[in-house]
Protein backbone atom coordinates (compact mmCIF):
# COMPACT_ATOMS: atom_id res chain seq x y z
CA UNK A 1 87.54 195.74 -244.98
CA UNK A 2 88.29 199.27 -243.67
CA UNK A 3 92.23 199.92 -243.57
CA UNK A 4 93.03 201.21 -240.41
CA UNK A 5 96.13 201.06 -237.97
CA UNK A 6 93.52 200.55 -234.83
CA UNK A 7 92.87 196.85 -234.59
CA UNK A 8 91.26 194.81 -232.02
CA UNK A 9 93.74 193.55 -229.26
CA UNK A 10 91.64 191.85 -226.89
CA UNK A 11 87.73 191.07 -226.41
CA UNK A 12 86.22 190.63 -223.01
CA UNK A 13 82.37 190.57 -223.15
CA UNK A 14 81.45 194.16 -224.20
CA UNK A 15 84.70 195.51 -223.50
CA UNK A 16 87.48 195.70 -226.46
CA UNK A 17 91.09 196.81 -225.98
CA UNK A 18 93.61 198.30 -228.74
CA UNK A 19 97.09 197.96 -227.98
CA UNK A 20 99.44 200.91 -228.05
CA UNK A 21 98.37 204.51 -228.37
CA UNK A 22 95.85 205.77 -230.84
CA UNK A 23 94.23 209.06 -231.90
CA UNK A 24 90.83 208.51 -230.27
CA UNK A 25 89.44 211.03 -227.69
CA UNK A 26 87.38 210.35 -224.45
CA UNK A 27 83.72 209.29 -225.18
CA UNK A 28 84.26 208.98 -228.98
CA UNK A 29 81.87 207.07 -230.70
CA UNK A 30 83.57 204.45 -232.73
CA UNK A 31 82.61 201.58 -235.08
CA UNK A 32 84.11 198.09 -234.11
CA UNK A 33 84.96 194.91 -236.18
CA UNK A 34 83.80 194.27 -239.91
CA UNK A 35 80.35 194.41 -238.72
CA UNK A 36 80.83 198.11 -237.35
CA UNK A 37 79.23 197.77 -234.14
CA UNK A 38 78.56 200.86 -232.44
CA UNK A 39 80.91 201.53 -229.39
CA UNK A 40 82.23 204.27 -227.18
CA UNK A 41 85.82 205.15 -225.88
CA UNK A 42 86.02 204.86 -222.16
CA UNK A 43 89.58 204.63 -221.27
CA UNK A 44 92.81 205.73 -222.89
CA UNK A 45 96.35 205.63 -221.74
CA UNK A 46 99.57 205.25 -223.59
CA UNK A 47 99.55 201.45 -223.44
CA UNK A 48 95.88 200.88 -224.50
CA UNK A 49 92.63 202.13 -225.39
CA UNK A 50 89.61 200.80 -223.98
CA UNK A 51 86.30 200.89 -226.04
CA UNK A 52 82.79 199.93 -224.55
CA UNK A 53 80.50 198.35 -227.40
CA UNK A 54 77.00 198.67 -227.33
CA UNK A 55 75.90 195.51 -229.52
CA UNK A 56 76.29 191.91 -229.04
CA UNK A 57 80.00 191.14 -229.44
CA UNK A 58 79.71 187.42 -230.31
CA UNK A 59 81.79 186.46 -233.35
CA UNK A 60 84.36 189.29 -232.80
CA UNK A 61 87.99 188.50 -233.57
CA UNK A 62 91.24 190.25 -232.69
CA UNK A 63 92.71 191.91 -235.82
CA UNK A 64 89.37 193.29 -236.68
CA UNK A 65 89.39 197.37 -237.60
CA UNK A 66 88.10 199.96 -235.34
CA UNK A 67 87.11 203.17 -237.30
CA UNK A 68 86.86 206.32 -235.32
CA UNK A 69 84.37 209.19 -235.97
CA UNK A 70 85.70 212.19 -234.31
CA UNK A 71 82.44 212.74 -232.82
CA UNK A 72 81.03 212.23 -229.11
CA UNK A 73 78.36 209.34 -228.41
CA UNK A 74 75.14 211.44 -229.11
CA UNK A 75 71.45 211.20 -229.74
CA UNK A 76 69.37 212.78 -232.48
CA UNK A 77 66.88 215.35 -231.07
CA UNK A 78 63.93 216.56 -233.32
CA UNK A 79 60.32 215.81 -234.45
CA UNK A 80 59.37 212.10 -234.49
CA UNK A 81 60.72 211.06 -231.00
CA UNK A 82 57.09 211.39 -229.32
CA UNK A 83 54.82 208.13 -229.89
CA UNK A 84 58.37 206.23 -230.75
CA UNK A 85 59.95 203.51 -228.96
CA UNK A 86 64.00 203.31 -229.11
CA UNK A 87 66.61 201.03 -227.65
CA UNK A 88 69.29 202.34 -225.01
CA UNK A 89 71.15 203.89 -228.09
CA UNK A 90 68.30 205.57 -229.82
CA UNK A 91 67.95 203.14 -232.52
CA UNK A 92 64.16 202.95 -233.66
CA UNK A 93 62.78 199.38 -232.51
CA UNK A 94 59.72 199.58 -234.80
CA UNK A 95 61.79 200.04 -237.98
CA UNK A 96 64.52 197.54 -236.67
CA UNK A 97 61.58 195.08 -236.51
CA UNK A 98 60.58 195.64 -239.90
CA UNK A 99 64.43 195.06 -241.32
CA UNK A 100 65.30 192.21 -238.98
CA UNK A 101 62.42 191.02 -237.16
CA UNK A 102 62.25 190.24 -233.25
CA UNK A 103 65.88 190.30 -232.52
CA UNK A 104 68.19 193.28 -233.40
CA UNK A 105 70.89 192.25 -236.10
CA UNK A 106 74.28 193.17 -235.43
CA UNK A 107 75.83 196.30 -236.71
CA UNK A 108 72.33 197.35 -238.00
CA UNK A 109 72.58 201.21 -239.24
CA UNK A 110 69.13 203.03 -239.01
CA UNK A 111 68.62 206.81 -238.74
CA UNK A 112 67.16 207.56 -235.25
CA UNK A 113 64.40 209.87 -236.78
CA UNK A 114 62.65 209.50 -239.91
CA UNK A 115 64.48 211.47 -242.73
CA UNK A 116 61.68 211.17 -245.60
CA UNK A 117 58.82 212.07 -243.37
CA UNK A 118 57.24 215.63 -244.29
CA UNK A 119 56.35 217.63 -241.16
CA UNK A 120 54.39 221.17 -241.23
CA UNK A 121 56.97 223.78 -240.41
CA UNK A 122 56.05 227.29 -239.03
CA UNK A 123 58.94 229.72 -238.96
CA UNK A 124 58.92 232.07 -236.22
CA UNK A 125 61.87 234.48 -236.92
CA UNK A 126 62.45 236.78 -239.86
CA UNK A 127 65.70 237.80 -242.05
CA UNK A 128 67.60 240.22 -240.13
CA UNK A 129 66.84 239.19 -236.67
CA UNK A 130 69.80 238.35 -234.09
CA UNK A 131 69.16 235.04 -232.62
CA UNK A 132 71.13 233.21 -229.58
CA UNK A 133 71.39 229.50 -228.55
CA UNK A 134 68.42 228.03 -227.35
CA UNK A 135 66.14 230.40 -229.26
CA UNK A 136 63.24 229.20 -231.06
CA UNK A 137 63.33 229.43 -234.71
CA UNK A 138 60.35 227.43 -235.91
CA UNK A 139 57.18 225.23 -234.99
CA UNK A 140 56.22 221.93 -235.81
CA UNK A 141 52.79 219.96 -234.67
CA UNK A 142 54.61 217.02 -233.77
CA UNK A 143 51.28 215.28 -232.41
CA UNK A 144 47.97 216.39 -231.40
CA UNK A 145 49.22 217.07 -227.96
CA UNK A 146 52.60 218.42 -228.32
CA UNK A 147 54.02 221.48 -230.35
CA UNK A 148 57.60 220.90 -231.42
CA UNK A 149 59.69 224.04 -231.00
CA UNK A 150 63.05 223.90 -233.20
CA UNK A 151 65.59 225.64 -231.37
CA UNK A 152 69.10 227.28 -232.23
CA UNK A 153 71.70 225.00 -231.01
CA UNK A 154 73.11 226.35 -227.48
CA UNK A 155 76.67 227.17 -229.20
CA UNK A 156 75.25 229.24 -232.02
CA UNK A 157 74.57 232.92 -232.35
CA UNK A 158 74.34 235.39 -234.96
CA UNK A 159 72.19 237.22 -237.65
CA UNK A 160 69.53 235.48 -239.65
CA UNK A 161 70.22 235.51 -243.26
CA UNK A 162 67.76 233.21 -244.82
CA UNK A 163 64.38 231.66 -243.69
CA UNK A 164 62.19 229.10 -245.28
CA UNK A 165 58.60 229.92 -246.09
CA UNK A 166 55.97 228.12 -244.10
CA UNK A 167 55.36 224.53 -245.59
CA UNK A 168 56.31 220.81 -245.46
CA UNK A 169 59.85 219.79 -244.87
CA UNK A 170 61.73 217.11 -243.68
CA UNK A 171 64.07 217.15 -240.80
CA UNK A 172 67.01 217.02 -242.95
CA UNK A 173 66.07 220.21 -245.05
CA UNK A 174 67.51 223.45 -243.72
CA UNK A 175 65.23 225.98 -242.15
CA UNK A 176 67.32 228.79 -241.26
CA UNK A 177 70.74 230.05 -242.12
CA UNK A 178 72.63 232.12 -239.49
CA UNK A 179 75.75 234.15 -240.07
CA UNK A 180 77.88 234.27 -236.90
CA UNK A 181 80.44 237.30 -236.04
CA UNK A 182 83.24 235.41 -237.39
CA UNK A 183 81.27 235.20 -240.89
CA UNK A 184 80.80 231.35 -240.56
CA UNK A 185 77.25 230.33 -242.16
CA UNK A 186 75.60 227.89 -239.78
CA UNK A 187 72.64 225.79 -241.23
CA UNK A 188 70.06 224.88 -239.03
CA UNK A 189 67.90 221.84 -239.71
CA UNK A 190 64.98 220.42 -238.02
CA UNK A 191 66.96 218.41 -235.79
CA UNK A 192 70.20 218.49 -234.13
CA UNK A 193 72.65 216.29 -232.00
CA UNK A 194 73.40 216.36 -228.55
CA UNK A 195 75.98 214.03 -226.37
CA UNK A 196 74.42 211.93 -223.83
CA UNK A 197 76.61 212.32 -221.20
CA UNK A 198 76.71 216.09 -221.00
CA UNK A 199 73.81 218.16 -219.59
CA UNK A 200 72.02 220.68 -221.63
CA UNK A 201 72.99 224.18 -221.35
CA UNK A 202 70.56 226.37 -218.98
CA UNK A 203 70.48 229.99 -217.77
CA UNK A 204 69.53 229.18 -214.10
CA UNK A 205 68.33 226.56 -211.75
CA UNK A 206 64.82 227.83 -210.12
CA UNK A 207 63.89 227.05 -206.77
CA UNK A 208 61.50 224.11 -206.25
CA UNK A 209 57.97 225.88 -205.80
CA UNK A 210 55.58 224.00 -207.96
CA UNK A 211 54.34 220.55 -207.01
CA UNK A 212 54.01 217.93 -209.52
CA UNK A 213 50.35 216.82 -208.95
CA UNK A 214 49.81 213.42 -209.91
CA UNK A 215 46.20 212.59 -208.80
CA UNK A 216 47.56 209.97 -206.17
CA UNK A 217 46.83 211.12 -202.62
CA UNK A 218 49.61 209.66 -200.90
CA UNK A 219 51.99 211.44 -203.19
CA UNK A 220 50.04 214.95 -203.67
CA UNK A 221 48.86 215.06 -200.01
CA UNK A 222 51.37 213.31 -197.95
CA UNK A 223 54.70 212.88 -199.71
CA UNK A 224 54.70 215.38 -202.55
CA UNK A 225 57.39 215.65 -205.31
CA UNK A 226 58.07 219.05 -207.07
CA UNK A 227 58.41 219.77 -210.59
CA UNK A 228 62.09 219.60 -211.41
CA UNK A 229 62.58 217.31 -208.54
CA UNK A 230 63.80 213.64 -207.96
CA UNK A 231 62.16 210.92 -206.16
CA UNK A 232 62.87 207.17 -205.83
CA UNK A 233 60.43 204.16 -205.37
CA UNK A 234 62.15 201.34 -203.68
CA UNK A 235 60.37 198.02 -203.39
CA UNK A 236 60.62 194.32 -203.65
CA UNK A 237 58.97 192.19 -206.49
CA UNK A 238 55.60 192.65 -206.66
CA UNK A 239 55.17 195.83 -204.60
CA UNK A 240 53.79 197.80 -207.53
CA UNK A 241 56.49 199.91 -208.56
CA UNK A 242 55.62 199.69 -212.54
CA UNK A 243 51.69 200.20 -211.79
CA UNK A 244 52.57 203.22 -209.69
CA UNK A 245 54.84 204.57 -212.57
CA UNK A 246 51.83 204.02 -215.02
CA UNK A 247 49.54 205.97 -212.71
CA UNK A 248 51.89 208.94 -212.25
CA UNK A 249 52.61 208.67 -216.00
CA UNK A 250 49.14 208.74 -217.13
CA UNK A 251 47.51 211.46 -214.82
CA UNK A 252 50.54 213.86 -213.40
CA UNK A 253 50.33 217.23 -214.55
CA UNK A 254 53.31 217.08 -216.65
CA UNK A 255 53.75 217.69 -220.79
CA UNK A 256 56.02 215.14 -221.79
CA UNK A 257 56.72 211.52 -220.41
CA UNK A 258 60.06 209.76 -220.87
CA UNK A 259 59.62 206.11 -219.71
CA UNK A 260 62.84 204.17 -219.65
CA UNK A 261 62.59 200.34 -219.31
CA UNK A 262 66.17 199.61 -218.18
CA UNK A 263 67.03 196.03 -217.78
CA UNK A 264 63.69 194.91 -217.31
CA UNK A 265 62.04 191.27 -218.38
CA UNK A 266 61.02 191.40 -222.00
CA UNK A 267 57.71 190.57 -220.96
CA UNK A 268 57.21 193.45 -218.57
CA UNK A 269 58.39 195.96 -221.29
CA UNK A 270 55.75 194.37 -223.53
CA UNK A 271 52.99 194.99 -221.11
CA UNK A 272 54.08 198.61 -220.80
CA UNK A 273 54.14 199.03 -224.42
CA UNK A 274 50.68 197.38 -224.79
CA UNK A 275 49.42 199.31 -222.00
CA UNK A 276 50.59 202.79 -222.65
CA UNK A 277 49.06 202.44 -226.42
CA UNK A 278 45.68 201.59 -224.74
CA UNK A 279 45.84 204.78 -222.13
CA UNK A 280 43.94 207.96 -223.34
CA UNK A 281 45.39 211.02 -222.29
CA UNK A 282 42.88 212.55 -219.92
CA UNK A 283 44.16 216.03 -221.36
CA UNK A 284 43.95 215.59 -224.84
CA UNK A 285 41.43 212.49 -225.50
CA UNK A 286 44.16 211.12 -227.83
CA UNK A 287 46.71 208.27 -226.88
CA UNK A 288 48.98 208.64 -224.25
CA UNK A 289 51.64 207.63 -226.55
CA UNK A 290 51.31 210.97 -228.27
CA UNK A 291 53.17 212.61 -225.58
CA UNK A 292 55.37 209.75 -224.52
CA UNK A 293 58.76 208.50 -225.36
CA UNK A 294 59.83 204.76 -224.72
CA UNK A 295 63.30 203.66 -224.21
CA UNK A 296 63.65 199.81 -224.27
CA UNK A 297 66.54 197.90 -223.03
CA UNK A 298 65.17 194.48 -221.82
CA UNK A 299 67.41 192.21 -219.77
CA UNK A 300 68.49 190.19 -222.62
CA UNK A 301 69.58 193.22 -224.75
CA UNK A 302 73.49 194.06 -224.50
CA UNK A 303 74.72 195.12 -221.13
CA UNK A 304 76.34 198.16 -222.32
CA UNK A 305 73.56 199.66 -223.84
CA UNK A 306 71.73 199.37 -220.72
CA UNK A 307 74.26 201.53 -219.12
CA UNK A 308 73.67 204.12 -221.75
CA UNK A 309 69.94 204.07 -221.85
CA UNK A 310 69.73 206.41 -218.59
CA UNK A 311 71.75 209.15 -220.59
CA UNK A 312 69.77 208.74 -223.66
CA UNK A 313 66.39 209.15 -221.78
CA UNK A 314 67.67 212.15 -219.58
CA UNK A 315 69.14 213.85 -222.66
CA UNK A 316 65.72 213.85 -224.62
CA UNK A 317 64.07 215.04 -221.60
CA UNK A 318 66.29 218.00 -221.43
CA UNK A 319 65.77 218.77 -225.04
CA UNK A 320 62.02 218.99 -224.42
CA UNK A 321 62.46 220.86 -221.09
CA UNK A 322 64.39 223.42 -223.20
CA UNK A 323 61.31 224.13 -225.16
CA UNK A 324 59.37 225.01 -222.24
CA UNK A 325 57.83 221.85 -221.44
CA UNK A 326 57.53 219.93 -217.95
CA UNK A 327 58.94 216.54 -218.62
CA UNK A 328 58.54 213.44 -216.31
CA UNK A 329 61.08 210.63 -216.44
CA UNK A 330 60.25 207.09 -215.16
CA UNK A 331 63.41 204.96 -214.81
CA UNK A 332 62.69 201.41 -214.16
CA UNK A 333 64.69 200.54 -212.64
CA UNK A 334 67.76 201.93 -211.54
CA UNK A 335 69.01 198.93 -210.10
CA UNK A 336 69.31 196.83 -213.34
CA UNK A 337 71.19 200.10 -214.51
CA UNK A 338 73.84 199.71 -211.58
CA UNK A 339 74.28 196.19 -212.37
CA UNK A 340 75.06 196.80 -215.81
CA UNK A 341 77.69 199.37 -214.13
CA UNK A 342 78.85 196.45 -211.92
CA UNK A 343 79.38 193.77 -214.83
CA UNK A 344 81.21 196.44 -216.95
CA UNK A 345 83.65 197.35 -214.02
CA UNK A 346 84.16 193.75 -213.11
CA UNK A 347 85.20 193.30 -217.12
CA UNK A 348 87.46 196.30 -216.73
CA UNK A 349 89.31 194.63 -213.89
CA UNK A 350 88.28 197.58 -211.46
CA UNK A 351 88.66 197.69 -207.84
CA UNK A 352 85.29 196.74 -206.58
CA UNK A 353 83.42 198.65 -203.66
CA UNK A 354 80.40 197.36 -201.63
CA UNK A 355 78.69 194.33 -202.77
CA UNK A 356 81.05 194.49 -206.23
CA UNK A 357 79.58 197.55 -207.20
CA UNK A 358 82.21 200.03 -208.64
CA UNK A 359 83.68 202.77 -206.23
CA UNK A 360 81.97 205.45 -208.49
CA UNK A 361 78.60 204.19 -208.08
CA UNK A 362 77.40 206.91 -205.93
CA UNK A 363 78.94 209.75 -208.25
CA UNK A 364 77.11 208.24 -211.08
CA UNK A 365 73.71 207.98 -209.23
CA UNK A 366 74.50 211.59 -208.25
CA UNK A 367 74.99 212.86 -211.63
CA UNK A 368 71.98 211.17 -213.18
CA UNK A 369 69.42 212.52 -210.30
CA UNK A 370 71.28 215.93 -210.40
CA UNK A 371 70.39 216.39 -214.34
CA UNK A 372 66.63 216.78 -212.73
CA UNK A 373 65.44 220.48 -212.07
CA UNK A 374 63.05 223.37 -212.54
CA UNK A 375 65.38 225.64 -215.06
CA UNK A 376 65.04 228.72 -216.79
CA UNK A 377 66.26 227.92 -220.49
CA UNK A 378 68.35 229.97 -222.75
CA UNK A 379 65.21 231.00 -224.58
CA UNK A 380 63.73 232.50 -221.28
CA UNK A 381 60.96 229.81 -220.96
CA UNK A 382 60.65 227.80 -217.81
CA UNK A 383 60.62 224.04 -218.17
CA UNK A 384 61.49 221.20 -215.73
CA UNK A 385 62.47 217.61 -215.83
CA UNK A 386 61.24 215.66 -212.74
CA UNK A 387 63.29 212.35 -212.29
CA UNK A 388 61.25 209.34 -210.54
CA UNK A 389 63.49 206.20 -210.37
CA UNK A 390 62.42 202.76 -209.28
CA UNK A 391 64.81 200.94 -207.08
CA UNK A 392 64.71 197.06 -207.09
CA UNK A 393 66.52 195.93 -204.09
CA UNK A 394 67.41 192.35 -203.92
CA UNK A 395 64.89 190.74 -201.29
CA UNK A 396 63.66 194.13 -200.52
CA UNK A 397 66.71 195.05 -198.56
CA UNK A 398 66.72 198.84 -198.64
CA UNK A 399 70.08 198.75 -196.65
CA UNK A 400 71.99 197.71 -200.31
CA UNK A 401 74.23 200.17 -202.01
CA UNK A 402 71.86 201.46 -204.89
CA UNK A 403 69.09 202.23 -202.45
CA UNK A 404 71.41 203.88 -199.81
CA UNK A 405 73.06 206.22 -202.50
CA UNK A 406 70.07 206.92 -204.05
CA UNK A 407 68.61 208.15 -200.94
CA UNK A 408 71.68 210.55 -200.50
CA UNK A 409 70.68 212.54 -203.82
CA UNK A 410 66.60 212.32 -204.11
CA UNK A 411 64.70 214.32 -201.74
CA UNK A 412 61.49 212.35 -202.16
CA UNK A 413 61.74 208.51 -200.77
CA UNK A 414 58.51 206.34 -201.60
CA UNK A 415 59.15 203.25 -199.85
CA UNK A 416 57.13 200.35 -201.01
CA UNK A 417 56.23 197.99 -198.30
CA UNK A 418 55.77 194.13 -199.01
CA UNK A 419 53.51 193.59 -196.41
CA UNK A 420 51.06 196.42 -197.34
CA UNK A 421 51.15 194.92 -200.94
CA UNK A 422 50.29 191.44 -199.51
CA UNK A 423 47.34 192.86 -197.66
CA UNK A 424 46.25 194.46 -200.97
CA UNK A 425 46.77 198.24 -199.70
CA UNK A 426 47.83 200.01 -202.74
CA UNK A 427 49.71 202.25 -203.45
CA UNK A 428 51.83 200.27 -201.10
CA UNK A 429 53.74 203.11 -199.70
CA UNK A 430 54.99 202.92 -195.98
CA UNK A 431 53.96 206.08 -194.25
CA UNK A 432 56.21 205.45 -191.60
CA UNK A 433 59.41 204.85 -193.73
CA UNK A 434 58.80 207.35 -196.77
CA UNK A 435 59.40 211.00 -196.67
CA UNK A 436 59.40 214.19 -198.76
CA UNK A 437 61.80 216.91 -198.26
CA UNK A 438 59.83 219.24 -200.51
CA UNK A 439 56.93 219.96 -198.14
CA UNK A 440 58.54 223.19 -196.97
CA UNK A 441 59.33 224.32 -200.33
CA UNK A 442 55.61 223.85 -201.40
CA UNK A 443 53.74 224.78 -198.43
CA UNK A 444 53.02 228.43 -199.67
CA UNK A 445 51.77 227.09 -202.88
CA UNK A 446 49.31 224.52 -201.08
CA UNK A 447 48.31 227.55 -199.02
CA UNK A 448 47.43 229.62 -201.90
CA UNK A 449 46.23 227.29 -204.33
CA UNK A 450 44.54 224.50 -202.07
CA UNK A 451 43.73 225.28 -198.74
CA UNK A 452 45.37 227.53 -196.07
CA UNK A 453 44.89 224.84 -193.60
CA UNK A 454 46.59 222.22 -195.61
CA UNK A 455 49.71 222.01 -193.92
CA UNK A 456 48.37 221.84 -190.54
CA UNK A 457 46.18 219.19 -191.62
CA UNK A 458 48.67 217.04 -193.30
CA UNK A 459 50.92 217.39 -189.90
CA UNK A 460 48.08 216.34 -187.72
CA UNK A 461 47.42 213.33 -189.98
CA UNK A 462 51.20 212.34 -189.86
CA UNK A 463 50.85 212.72 -185.85
CA UNK A 464 47.91 210.44 -186.00
CA UNK A 465 49.75 207.53 -188.36
CA UNK A 466 52.75 207.39 -186.21
CA UNK A 467 50.80 207.33 -182.77
CA UNK A 468 48.85 204.49 -184.28
CA UNK A 469 52.13 202.78 -185.47
CA UNK A 470 53.29 202.94 -181.49
CA UNK A 471 49.90 201.87 -180.27
CA UNK A 472 49.85 198.87 -182.76
CA UNK A 473 53.02 197.67 -180.97
CA UNK A 474 51.44 197.71 -177.52
CA UNK A 475 48.59 195.89 -178.97
CA UNK A 476 50.56 193.10 -180.04
CA UNK A 477 51.77 192.71 -176.90
CA UNK A 478 48.90 192.94 -174.44
CA UNK A 479 45.70 193.50 -176.50
CA UNK A 480 43.80 196.76 -177.16
CA UNK A 481 41.62 196.35 -174.22
CA UNK A 482 43.99 198.13 -171.94
CA UNK A 483 43.95 201.27 -174.15
CA UNK A 484 41.98 204.23 -172.95
CA UNK A 485 39.24 205.34 -175.25
CA UNK A 486 41.31 208.39 -176.34
CA UNK A 487 43.92 205.90 -177.92
CA UNK A 488 41.22 203.62 -179.20
CA UNK A 489 39.56 206.60 -181.08
CA UNK A 490 43.19 207.06 -182.61
CA UNK A 491 43.29 203.67 -183.92
CA UNK A 492 39.85 203.91 -185.16
CA UNK A 493 40.49 207.50 -186.78
CA UNK A 494 43.93 205.93 -188.48
CA UNK A 495 41.87 203.30 -189.68
CA UNK A 496 39.56 205.84 -191.66
CA UNK A 497 43.09 207.56 -192.91
CA UNK A 498 44.50 204.43 -194.14
CA UNK A 499 41.53 202.98 -196.05
CA UNK A 500 39.52 206.22 -197.17
CA UNK A 501 42.53 208.24 -197.83
CA UNK A 502 45.91 206.47 -198.20
CA UNK A 503 44.41 203.44 -200.10
CA UNK A 504 43.28 204.27 -203.71
CA UNK A 505 42.14 201.90 -206.62
CA UNK A 506 44.27 202.32 -209.83
CA UNK A 507 41.30 200.85 -211.84
CA UNK A 508 38.40 202.71 -210.08
CA UNK A 509 36.46 205.31 -212.33
CA UNK A 510 36.41 208.01 -209.55
CA UNK A 511 39.46 206.89 -207.44
CA UNK A 512 42.03 206.21 -209.91
CA UNK A 513 43.11 210.16 -210.46
CA UNK A 514 41.86 212.61 -207.51
CA UNK A 515 42.11 216.48 -207.89
CA UNK A 516 44.17 217.97 -205.10
CA UNK A 517 41.26 220.09 -203.98
CA UNK A 518 39.25 217.05 -203.18
CA UNK A 519 42.27 215.27 -201.49
CA UNK A 520 42.42 218.35 -199.34
CA UNK A 521 38.72 218.34 -198.58
CA UNK A 522 38.53 214.62 -197.82
CA UNK A 523 41.36 214.81 -195.20
CA UNK A 524 39.72 217.99 -193.58
CA UNK A 525 36.61 215.97 -193.31
CA UNK A 526 38.46 213.10 -191.84
CA UNK A 527 39.98 215.27 -189.17
CA UNK A 528 36.63 216.77 -188.59
CA UNK A 529 35.38 213.60 -187.67
CA UNK A 530 38.25 212.85 -185.33
CA UNK A 531 37.51 216.46 -183.51
CA UNK A 532 33.95 215.80 -182.95
CA UNK A 533 34.47 211.97 -181.82
CA UNK A 534 37.25 213.49 -179.37
CA UNK A 535 34.58 215.59 -178.02
CA UNK A 536 32.19 212.70 -177.47
CA UNK A 537 35.16 210.72 -175.70
CA UNK A 538 35.62 213.52 -173.20
CA UNK A 539 31.95 213.54 -172.31
CA UNK A 540 32.54 210.07 -171.49
CA UNK A 541 31.30 208.06 -174.67
CA UNK A 542 33.18 204.85 -175.31
CA UNK A 543 34.66 204.21 -178.41
CA UNK A 544 32.40 200.91 -178.88
CA UNK A 545 29.32 203.56 -178.90
CA UNK A 546 30.78 205.82 -181.45
CA UNK A 547 31.79 202.84 -183.91
CA UNK A 548 27.96 201.56 -183.95
CA UNK A 549 27.38 204.56 -186.15
CA UNK A 550 27.64 204.30 -189.54
CA UNK A 551 29.85 207.57 -189.94
CA UNK A 552 33.08 206.15 -189.99
CA UNK A 553 32.33 203.96 -193.02
CA UNK A 554 30.58 206.75 -194.78
CA UNK A 555 33.85 208.79 -194.54
CA UNK A 556 35.79 205.80 -195.76
CA UNK A 557 33.56 205.53 -198.99
CA UNK A 558 33.73 209.38 -199.97
CA UNK A 559 36.73 208.15 -202.24
CA UNK A 560 34.06 206.20 -204.30
CA UNK A 561 30.79 208.27 -203.61
CA UNK A 562 31.84 211.57 -204.60
CA UNK A 563 32.65 212.45 -208.24
CA UNK A 564 35.59 214.19 -209.13
CA UNK A 565 33.78 217.06 -210.83
CA UNK A 566 30.90 217.38 -207.97
CA UNK A 567 33.03 218.65 -205.14
CA UNK A 568 30.31 220.59 -203.68
CA UNK A 569 28.81 217.27 -202.48
CA UNK A 570 31.65 217.19 -199.85
CA UNK A 571 30.20 219.67 -197.86
CA UNK A 572 27.36 217.67 -196.90
CA UNK A 573 29.55 215.46 -195.08
CA UNK A 574 30.47 217.98 -192.27
CA UNK A 575 26.23 217.88 -191.69
CA UNK A 576 26.60 214.47 -191.42
CA UNK A 577 29.08 214.57 -188.87
CA UNK A 578 27.25 217.16 -186.99
CA UNK A 579 24.25 215.22 -187.18
CA UNK A 580 26.07 212.00 -185.61
CA UNK A 581 27.47 214.19 -182.79
CA UNK A 582 23.97 215.74 -181.91
CA UNK A 583 22.25 212.36 -182.14
CA UNK A 584 24.91 210.71 -179.79
CA UNK A 585 24.52 214.08 -177.31
CA UNK A 586 20.52 213.77 -177.55
CA UNK A 587 20.56 209.83 -176.89
CA UNK A 588 22.61 210.22 -173.71
CA UNK A 589 21.95 213.85 -172.39
């Protein structure tokens, strides 16, 4: 048993208290009890110290020792994180399974990263050079898809006095030695540690001018997110949150994926693991796992570790961002994280806020989403962290506190609709209640790289969909027969937009992911059909006559009929629409 003056006084689930003053500091990593459970100091006053334990506290007794470390709660950052799965405090679950089976043994101590594996290291600096924090000193091919870049810790600068020869080394080997101005010698290894609750240092936050292209039409062309942006996917059970995150993870134009399963069901996380292992990265042809980090904290794991998992994931993402990579975080779901905050707050006997959530819920959500951004790093590379957080409001009620507070801090809101999901319309994003505030920021990029009429077409589409929504309310009351043909045409063309553009099959060979230029062309064709049909209506043609033509169904089926690598085929559809128009004019000339 460890001899220490710091002993457990009270136990309340994952919350441990020590009576009297201690020499611990806030956010210090501590080991609790004879089993040395991992904990973190979360409260200090002259009468007591409060500790949050990240493991199961069953069996703990008052009087057991608590050992300090003089270190903050931190994660190890280095090669070996990709194609790996960790729990909420970055313990490697594959290695834990070998030692303790299907359940995590209490007090188990394993290094987050493999200390014995040899990596091929290529230094990119020389003796005598002066380096600053964040500068890249060596490269390691972590997977076939990603080159890992070993960096100088942000708080270190000086002259390089020793560099290893290119070759194979473990992450524990010293790769570079740096002499600081004060004469101290700093040894740089293949990995570093960083506190999970502290954002990593950058030079500057850049404007959001690059879209995160996902291959999903309703995102890229309707409610886009910028690289370095933040988006929320709220939706009730069965509306497709996880499938949507899978699609984004697989097809988004991003270098690294960090998937955080926060408080989700065990069988759902198993499905994620199995699916991600099978997914083939369309960019490299290798497994998608080769550029993915998975963090799994299922609903039966300790609640405190669930609270920490979000910070573990964002810290790993920031580390890869500092190398110059674009990183996307899938947090599924932030509602379970908020529930962990609520449980811990209740055990701490804090004054509850709305629906029992702690009063600081809003600031915690803000602190998480604010760590997203497109940044200029210390090494003058540009990298981004984009956060896509799923929200699981009970009963699909978007007025509950987690959804409402999330809306305050994200600029992209993809509201999933249970009625659309029940109608098998996927992605089930409601185009009336969803929004993106990145449109103006990205308009120049779309005009330059996609189509100069892109924003005009987008705005026209949204006007049509909103008019359809209003007209459907009238149709429910008095039927569609009373509507003039111009409004009946709006209903008809909106149906083409919904079925042919907004609806997308996640398992279809062609339609699962669509290049942005094809998206823009599809929308332009639909609006051209509307323009020509309007002209016929103005000549007195009834909508019933127009819909007898097969042209509407033909435009809907573009998404299945035109391969993504044969976009020149799209030009023929303009000719088909003109032929439809000319035939109508000739028959009734």
